[in-house]
């Protein structure tokens, strides 16, 4: 439903502006394609993979000698290993000390309780004297 009273000059200006924009865009794409190569403009970027694929990708093996690798591993892990072994050793010696203390106490208490009740079955305690 075209309106007969509508100005046809205004719509032709809009169409001309749109054609000029499309032409300018085409020129810029052609120039970019020539500079970088047509394949880089027309093809999608190479697939990098998702985050999980990048996380589990194997690292390239170092080319250094095995001895240097072993020394590097020891240099990195020995201080932490020493701290853990020191803490474990102090816990072991603390537990052993507490155990020996408990055993000594039980050995000291047995003779003391046995001496006071160490009388023979037939022995009778002497009667207390009343003065």
Protein backbone atom coordinates (compact mmCIF):
# COMPACT_ATOMS: atom_id res chain seq x y z
CA UNK A 1 0.00 0.00 0.00
CA UNK A 2 2.03 2.84 -1.29
CA UNK A 3 1.03 6.30 -0.27
CA UNK A 4 0.84 8.63 -3.23
CA UNK A 5 1.68 11.75 -1.20
CA UNK A 6 4.90 10.29 0.18
CA UNK A 7 8.18 11.90 -0.85
CA UNK A 8 10.12 9.46 -3.06
CA UNK A 9 13.35 11.48 -2.86
CA UNK A 10 13.92 10.72 0.85
CA UNK A 11 13.73 6.96 0.42
CA UNK A 12 16.12 6.99 -2.52
CA UNK A 13 18.65 8.88 -0.40
CA UNK A 14 18.44 6.19 2.31
CA UNK A 15 18.94 3.46 -0.30
CA UNK A 16 21.91 5.32 -1.81
CA UNK A 17 23.50 5.69 1.66
CA UNK A 18 23.03 1.98 2.34
CA UNK A 19 24.60 1.05 -1.01
CA UNK A 20 27.56 3.32 -0.30
CA UNK A 21 28.06 1.65 3.12
CA UNK A 22 27.92 -1.84 1.57
CA UNK A 23 30.39 -0.80 -1.13
CA UNK A 24 32.80 0.66 1.45
CA UNK A 25 32.55 -2.52 3.52
CA UNK A 26 33.26 -4.69 0.48
CA UNK A 27 36.32 -2.61 -0.36
CA UNK A 28 37.65 -2.91 3.21
CA UNK A 29 37.14 -6.69 3.20
CA UNK A 30 38.93 -7.05 -0.15
CA UNK A 31 41.86 -4.95 1.06
CA UNK A 32 42.07 -6.99 4.30
CA UNK A 33 41.88 -10.22 2.28
CA UNK A 34 44.75 -9.16 0.04
CA UNK A 35 46.88 -8.16 3.01
CA UNK A 36 46.29 -11.34 5.06
CA UNK A 37 45.35 -13.76 2.36
CA UNK A 38 41.90 -14.67 1.26
CA UNK A 39 41.81 -17.88 3.28
CA UNK A 40 42.29 -16.03 6.58
CA UNK A 41 39.35 -13.72 5.86
CA UNK A 42 36.93 -16.33 4.56
CA UNK A 43 37.75 -19.28 6.83
CA UNK A 44 36.89 -19.43 10.53
CA UNK A 45 39.73 -19.23 13.05
CA UNK A 46 41.45 -22.53 13.87
CA UNK A 47 39.84 -24.57 16.63
CA UNK A 48 41.74 -24.34 19.90
CA UNK A 49 39.65 -26.86 21.81
CA UNK A 50 37.68 -26.47 24.96
CA UNK A 51 39.10 -25.74 28.39
CA UNK A 52 39.31 -29.42 29.41
CA UNK A 53 41.22 -30.32 26.25
CA UNK A 54 43.74 -27.57 26.93
CA UNK A 55 44.07 -28.62 30.58
CA UNK A 56 44.83 -32.27 29.89
CA UNK A 57 47.09 -31.65 26.92
CA UNK A 58 50.46 -33.27 27.47
CA UNK A 59 53.33 -30.95 28.09
CA UNK A 60 56.33 -31.39 25.84
CA UNK A 61 59.05 -33.36 27.52
CA UNK A 62 62.12 -31.37 28.47
CA UNK A 63 65.17 -32.14 26.41
CA UNK A 64 67.61 -31.95 29.32
CA UNK A 65 69.52 -34.93 30.69
CA UNK A 66 67.71 -37.25 33.08
CA UNK A 67 70.13 -36.53 35.92
CA UNK A 68 69.36 -32.82 35.71
CA UNK A 69 65.64 -33.58 35.80
CA UNK A 70 66.04 -35.80 38.88
CA UNK A 71 68.12 -33.17 40.66
CA UNK A 72 65.50 -30.54 39.82
CA UNK A 73 62.72 -32.72 41.19
CA UNK A 74 64.69 -33.38 44.38
CA UNK A 75 65.46 -29.68 44.75
CA UNK A 76 61.76 -28.84 44.47
CA UNK A 77 60.34 -31.57 46.72
CA UNK A 78 62.96 -32.23 49.42
CA UNK A 79 62.24 -29.14 51.55
CA UNK A 80 58.53 -29.97 51.70
CA UNK A 81 59.28 -33.64 52.30
CA UNK A 82 61.65 -32.69 55.13
CA UNK A 83 58.96 -30.60 56.80
CA UNK A 84 56.47 -33.45 56.61
CA UNK A 85 58.95 -36.02 57.92
CA UNK A 86 59.94 -33.69 60.77
CA UNK A 87 56.30 -33.23 61.78
CA UNK A 88 55.65 -36.98 61.57
CA UNK A 89 58.78 -37.74 63.61
CA UNK A 90 57.80 -35.32 66.35
CA UNK A 91 54.34 -36.92 66.51
CA UNK A 92 55.83 -40.42 66.72
CA UNK A 93 58.28 -39.46 69.49
CA UNK A 94 55.53 -37.61 71.37
CA UNK A 95 53.28 -40.68 71.22
CA UNK A 96 56.15 -42.95 72.32
CA UNK A 97 56.92 -40.65 75.29
CA UNK A 98 53.30 -40.62 76.40
CA UNK A 99 53.13 -44.42 76.06
CA UNK A 100 56.30 -44.94 78.13
CA UNK A 101 55.00 -42.55 80.79
CA UNK A 102 51.74 -44.49 81.04
CA UNK A 103 53.61 -47.83 81.28
CA UNK A 104 55.94 -46.47 83.99
CA UNK A 105 52.99 -45.20 86.02
CA UNK A 106 51.21 -48.54 85.81
CA UNK A 107 54.41 -50.39 86.87
CA UNK A 108 54.97 -48.04 89.81
CA UNK A 109 51.38 -48.35 91.02
CA UNK A 110 51.31 -52.19 90.99
CA UNK A 111 54.06 -52.77 93.59
CA UNK A 112 52.67 -50.02 95.81
CA UNK A 113 49.18 -51.56 95.84
CA UNK A 114 50.65 -55.08 96.11
CA UNK A 115 52.81 -54.19 99.17
CA UNK A 116 49.90 -52.86 101.17
CA UNK A 117 47.71 -55.84 100.39
CA UNK A 118 50.57 -58.34 100.06
CA UNK A 119 49.86 -60.18 103.32
CA UNK A 120 49.29 -63.89 103.36
CA UNK A 121 45.76 -65.19 103.65
CA UNK A 122 46.28 -66.57 107.15
CA UNK A 123 47.92 -63.47 108.59
CA UNK A 124 45.83 -61.36 110.85
CA UNK A 125 46.62 -57.76 111.48
CA UNK A 126 47.69 -57.03 115.05
CA UNK A 127 45.09 -55.31 117.15
CA UNK A 128 45.56 -51.70 117.93
CA UNK A 129 46.54 -51.02 121.46
CA UNK A 130 44.56 -48.69 123.49
CA UNK A 131 46.68 -46.97 126.06
